[in-house]
C-alpha atoms as a PDB file:
ATOM      1  CA  UNK A   1       0.052  -0.018   0.006  1.00  0.00           C
ATOM      2  CA  UNK A   2       1.060   3.610  -0.452  1.00  0.00           C
ATOM      3  CA  UNK A   3       2.307   5.362   2.475  1.00  0.00           C
ATOM      4  CA  UNK A   4      -0.353   8.126   2.253  1.00  0.00           C
ATOM      5  CA  UNK A   5      -3.093   5.404   2.789  1.00  0.00           C
ATOM      6  CA  UNK A   6      -0.947   3.789   5.783  1.00  0.00           C
ATOM      7  CA  UNK A   7      -0.882   7.278   7.411  1.00  0.00           C
ATOM      8  CA  UNK A   8      -4.427   7.799   6.449  1.00  0.00           C
ATOM      9  CA  UNK A   9      -5.287   4.553   8.337  1.00  0.00           C
ATOM     10  CA  UNK A  10      -3.040   5.273  11.417  1.00  0.00           C
ATOM     11  CA  UNK A  11      -4.787   8.785  11.790  1.00  0.00           C
ATOM     12  CA  UNK A  12      -8.268   6.903  11.851  1.00  0.00           C
ATOM     13  CA  UNK A  13      -6.830   4.271  14.191  1.00  0.00           C
ATOM     14  CA  UNK A  14      -5.691   7.017  16.680  1.00  0.00           C
ATOM     15  CA  UNK A  15      -9.212   8.754  16.255  1.00  0.00           C
ATOM     16  CA  UNK A  16     -10.794   5.484  17.087  1.00  0.00           C
ATOM     17  CA  UNK A  17      -8.574   4.372  20.086  1.00  0.00           C
ATOM     18  CA  UNK A  18      -9.057   7.887  21.697  1.00  0.00           C
ATOM     19  CA  UNK A  19     -12.711   7.103  22.297  1.00  0.00           C
ATOM     20  CA  UNK A  20     -14.009   6.191  25.494  1.00  0.00           C
ATOM     21  CA  UNK A  21     -16.426   3.420  24.763  1.00  0.00           C
ATOM     22  CA  UNK A  22     -15.850  -0.260  25.606  1.00  0.00           C
ATOM     23  CA  UNK A  23     -13.600  -1.860  24.554  1.00  0.00           C
ATOM     24  CA  UNK A  24     -11.484   1.141  23.237  1.00  0.00           C
ATOM     25  CA  UNK A  25     -11.424   2.619  26.648  1.00  0.00           C
ATOM     26  CA  UNK A  26      -8.734  -0.012  27.476  1.00  0.00           C
ATOM     27  CA  UNK A  27      -6.421   1.310  24.912  1.00  0.00           C
ATOM     28  CA  UNK A  28      -3.544   3.134  26.907  1.00  0.00           C
ATOM     29  CA  UNK A  29      -1.028   3.436  24.239  1.00  0.00           C
ATOM     30  CA  UNK A  30      -0.391   2.685  20.470  1.00  0.00           C
ATOM     31  CA  UNK A  31       3.048   1.975  18.926  1.00  0.00           C
ATOM     32  CA  UNK A  32       3.799   1.523  15.280  1.00  0.00           C
ATOM     33  CA  UNK A  33       6.641  -0.695  14.132  1.00  0.00           C
ATOM     34  CA  UNK A  34       7.836  -2.594  10.966  1.00  0.00           C
ATOM     35  CA  UNK A  35       8.046  -1.056   7.439  1.00  0.00           C
ATOM     36  CA  UNK A  36       5.953   2.151   8.241  1.00  0.00           C
ATOM     37  CA  UNK A  37       8.063   3.176  11.304  1.00  0.00           C
ATOM     38  CA  UNK A  38      11.292   2.498   9.168  1.00  0.00           C
ATOM     39  CA  UNK A  39      10.048   4.930   6.806  1.00  0.00           C
ATOM     40  CA  UNK A  40       8.906   2.736   3.740  1.00  0.00           C
ATOM     41  CA  UNK A  41       7.185   4.481   1.080  1.00  0.00           C
ATOM     42  CA  UNK A  42       5.067   1.443   0.299  1.00  0.00           C
ATOM     43  CA  UNK A  43       4.686  -0.624   3.665  1.00  0.00           C
ATOM     44  CA  UNK A  44       2.985  -3.944   3.106  1.00  0.00           C
ATOM     45  CA  UNK A  45       0.767  -3.476   6.168  1.00  0.00           C
ATOM     46  CA  UNK A  46       0.638  -1.278   9.259  1.00  0.00           C
ATOM     47  CA  UNK A  47       1.919  -2.893  12.227  1.00  0.00           C
ATOM     48  CA  UNK A  48       0.779  -1.482  15.572  1.00  0.00           C
ATOM     49  CA  UNK A  49       1.220  -2.551  19.339  1.00  0.00           C
ATOM     50  CA  UNK A  50      -1.362  -1.715  21.702  1.00  0.00           C
ATOM     51  CA  UNK A  51      -1.034  -1.260  25.328  1.00  0.00           C
ATOM     52  CA  UNK A  52      -4.056  -2.246  27.351  1.00  0.00           C
ATOM     53  CA  UNK A  53      -5.392  -1.374  30.832  1.00  0.00           C
ATOM     54  CA  UNK A  54      -5.662  -5.043  32.094  1.00  0.00           C
ATOM     55  CA  UNK A  55      -6.967  -3.798  35.472  1.00  0.00           C
ATOM     56  CA  UNK A  56     -10.236  -2.655  33.781  1.00  0.00           C
ATOM     57  CA  UNK A  57     -12.987  -4.859  35.318  1.00  0.00           C
ATOM     58  CA  UNK A  58     -15.074  -5.269  32.270  1.00  0.00           C
ATOM     59  CA  UNK A  59     -11.887  -6.115  30.293  1.00  0.00           C
ATOM     60  CA  UNK A  60     -10.820  -8.830  32.801  1.00  0.00           C
ATOM     61  CA  UNK A  61     -14.343 -10.418  32.996  1.00  0.00           C
ATOM     62  CA  UNK A  62     -14.277 -10.534  29.091  1.00  0.00           C
ATOM     63  CA  UNK A  63     -10.818 -11.956  28.925  1.00  0.00           C
ATOM     64  CA  UNK A  64     -11.697 -14.774  31.301  1.00  0.00           C
ATOM     65  CA  UNK A  65     -14.944 -15.362  29.718  1.00  0.00           C
ATOM     66  CA  UNK A  66     -13.324 -15.495  26.187  1.00  0.00           C
ATOM     67  CA  UNK A  67     -10.577 -17.824  27.389  1.00  0.00           C
ATOM     68  CA  UNK A  68     -13.055 -20.196  28.946  1.00  0.00           C
ATOM     69  CA  UNK A  69     -15.043 -20.436  25.647  1.00  0.00           C
ATOM     70  CA  UNK A  70     -11.897 -20.876  23.551  1.00  0.00           C
ATOM     71  CA  UNK A  71     -12.109 -17.479  21.743  1.00  0.00           C
ATOM     72  CA  UNK A  72      -9.482 -14.696  21.379  1.00  0.00           C
ATOM     73  CA  UNK A  73     -10.186 -11.917  23.781  1.00  0.00           C
ATOM     74  CA  UNK A  74      -8.643  -9.512  21.497  1.00  0.00           C
ATOM     75  CA  UNK A  75     -11.078 -10.145  18.584  1.00  0.00           C
ATOM     76  CA  UNK A  76     -13.659  -7.538  19.796  1.00  0.00           C
ATOM     77  CA  UNK A  77     -11.056  -4.781  20.481  1.00  0.00           C
ATOM     78  CA  UNK A  78      -9.239  -5.665  17.085  1.00  0.00           C
ATOM     79  CA  UNK A  79     -12.860  -5.122  15.301  1.00  0.00           C
ATOM     80  CA  UNK A  80     -13.417  -1.888  17.136  1.00  0.00           C
ATOM     81  CA  UNK A  81      -9.919  -0.421  16.347  1.00  0.00           C
ATOM     82  CA  UNK A  82      -9.876  -1.474  12.501  1.00  0.00           C
ATOM     83  CA  UNK A  83     -13.278  -0.430  11.843  1.00  0.00           C
ATOM     84  CA  UNK A  84     -13.971  -1.608   8.265  1.00  0.00           C
ATOM     85  CA  UNK A  85     -10.389  -1.305   7.172  1.00  0.00           C
ATOM     86  CA  UNK A  86      -7.990  -4.085   6.308  1.00  0.00           C
ATOM     87  CA  UNK A  87      -4.218  -3.806   6.297  1.00  0.00           C
ATOM     88  CA  UNK A  88      -3.673  -3.655  10.144  1.00  0.00           C
ATOM     89  CA  UNK A  89      -1.396  -6.149  12.170  1.00  0.00           C
ATOM     90  CA  UNK A  90      -2.112  -5.737  15.817  1.00  0.00           C
ATOM     91  CA  UNK A  91       0.033  -6.896  18.726  1.00  0.00           C
ATOM     92  CA  UNK A  92      -1.488  -6.984  22.028  1.00  0.00           C
ATOM     93  CA  UNK A  93       1.279  -8.510  23.939  1.00  0.00           C
ATOM     94  CA  UNK A  94       3.970  -5.920  23.243  1.00  0.00           C
ATOM     95  CA  UNK A  95       5.846  -6.770  26.602  1.00  0.00           C
ATOM     96  CA  UNK A  96       6.392 -10.473  25.395  1.00  0.00           C
ATOM     97  CA  UNK A  97       8.857 -11.083  22.865  1.00  0.00           C
ATOM     98  CA  UNK A  98       9.244  -7.792  21.198  1.00  0.00           C
ATOM     99  CA  UNK A  99      12.046  -6.233  23.270  1.00  0.00           C
ATOM    100  CA  UNK A 100      14.390  -6.325  20.062  1.00  0.00           C
ATOM    101  CA  UNK A 101      11.776  -4.706  17.606  1.00  0.00           C
ATOM    102  CA  UNK A 102      12.061  -0.793  17.412  1.00  0.00           C
ATOM    103  CA  UNK A 103       8.857   0.708  18.034  1.00  0.00           C
ATOM    104  CA  UNK A 104       7.659   4.498  17.630  1.00  0.00           C
ATOM    105  CA  UNK A 105       5.005   5.739  20.170  1.00  0.00           C
ATOM    106  CA  UNK A 106       2.040   7.090  18.189  1.00  0.00           C
ATOM    107  CA  UNK A 107      -0.420   7.943  20.749  1.00  0.00           C
ATOM    108  CA  UNK A 108      -1.122   7.487  24.794  1.00  0.00           C
ATOM    109  CA  UNK A 109      -4.266   8.051  26.427  1.00  0.00           C
ATOM    110  CA  UNK A 110      -4.710  11.626  27.938  1.00  0.00           C
ATOM    111  CA  UNK A 111      -2.866  13.113  24.722  1.00  0.00           C
ATOM    112  CA  UNK A 112      -4.429  15.338  22.200  1.00  0.00           C
ATOM    113  CA  UNK A 113      -4.973  13.996  18.841  1.00  0.00           C
ATOM    114  CA  UNK A 114      -2.805  16.781  17.494  1.00  0.00           C
ATOM    115  CA  UNK A 115       0.193  15.550  19.570  1.00  0.00           C
ATOM    116  CA  UNK A 116      -0.375  12.061  18.051  1.00  0.00           C
ATOM    117  CA  UNK A 117      -0.522  13.437  14.343  1.00  0.00           C
ATOM    118  CA  UNK A 118       2.681  15.549  14.856  1.00  0.00           C
ATOM    119  CA  UNK A 119       4.570  12.287  16.278  1.00  0.00           C
ATOM    120  CA  UNK A 120       3.073  10.430  13.224  1.00  0.00           C
ATOM    121  CA  UNK A 121       4.188  13.093  10.665  1.00  0.00           C
ATOM    122  CA  UNK A 122       7.593  13.219  12.283  1.00  0.00           C
ATOM    123  CA  UNK A 123       8.390   9.626  11.098  1.00  0.00           C
ATOM    124  CA  UNK A 124      10.934  10.241   8.450  1.00  0.00           C
ATOM    125  CA  UNK A 125      10.511   8.664   4.975  1.00  0.00           C
ATOM    126  CA  UNK A 126      13.286   6.315   3.702  1.00  0.00           C
ATOM    127  CA  UNK A 127      12.743   5.081   0.195  1.00  0.00           C
ATOM    128  CA  UNK A 128      15.489   2.494   0.577  1.00  0.00           C
ATOM    129  CA  UNK A 129      13.405   0.623   3.225  1.00  0.00           C
ATOM    130  CA  UNK A 130      11.161  -0.570   0.343  1.00  0.00           C
ATOM    131  CA  UNK A 131      14.054  -2.387  -0.902  1.00  0.00           C
ATOM    132  CA  UNK A 132      15.328  -4.247   2.226  1.00  0.00           C
ATOM    133  CA  UNK A 133      14.342  -7.807   2.833  1.00  0.00           C
ATOM    134  CA  UNK A 134      12.229  -8.900   5.852  1.00  0.00           C
ATOM    135  CA  UNK A 135      14.713  -9.631   8.488  1.00  0.00           C
ATOM    136  CA  UNK A 136      12.703 -10.624  11.557  1.00  0.00           C
ATOM    137  CA  UNK A 137      12.378 -14.401  11.908  1.00  0.00           C
ATOM    138  CA  UNK A 138       9.839 -16.058  13.842  1.00  0.00           C
ATOM    139  CA  UNK A 139      10.556 -19.764  15.474  1.00  0.00           C
ATOM    140  CA  UNK A 140       8.413 -22.613  14.003  1.00  0.00           C
ATOM    141  CA  UNK A 141       7.407 -23.408  17.498  1.00  0.00           C
ATOM    142  CA  UNK A 142       8.761 -22.573  20.956  1.00  0.00           C
ATOM    143  CA  UNK A 143      10.455 -25.544  21.119  1.00  0.00           C
ATOM    144  CA  UNK A 144      12.077 -25.528  17.736  1.00  0.00           C
ATOM    145  CA  UNK A 145      15.551 -24.109  16.703  1.00  0.00           C
ATOM    146  CA  UNK A 146      14.050 -23.691  12.915  1.00  0.00           C
ATOM    147  CA  UNK A 147      13.281 -20.152  12.051  1.00  0.00           C
ATOM    148  CA  UNK A 148      11.215 -19.011   9.220  1.00  0.00           C
ATOM    149  CA  UNK A 149      11.106 -15.543   7.792  1.00  0.00           C
ATOM    150  CA  UNK A 150       8.344 -13.351   8.569  1.00  0.00           C
ATOM    151  CA  UNK A 151       6.153 -12.414   5.741  1.00  0.00           C
ATOM    152  CA  UNK A 152       7.050  -9.255   4.327  1.00  0.00           C
ATOM    153  CA  UNK A 153       3.761  -8.260   2.885  1.00  0.00           C
ATOM    154  CA  UNK A 154       5.061  -8.218  -0.731  1.00  0.00           C
ATOM    155  CA  UNK A 155       5.003 -11.226  -3.102  1.00  0.00           C
END
């Protein structure tokens, strides 16, 4: 996708996350990472990490209920954040396994949307990032030493 479209998607995401309805009220901060944050002109998708207020009573109840019924607790939040748009990749467990992934803070609860937009516009564009191969690898399983390259979003 073109960077302009990705930027528009991120602005819409910030707008939705800043709401006070459930479940978006649990969103405390959003971080962009991947090709967009590296400055790609044509990122394959928009990678966003979400920090949640896990002490929210309604979230805790929802989380336990979802797990008891074999559902992802993040589905309802993913749907509320993305709206009708596709092209987002969300990470809801940023603190688990993403220490080595550079991330740029987009927005945190209590900030103005103008502050978030300035932060978004400050991410420099680097056309060379479009030519770099994907380097992050994911293990086949937690017990495996075999690693497979993560999908870059380009065929």
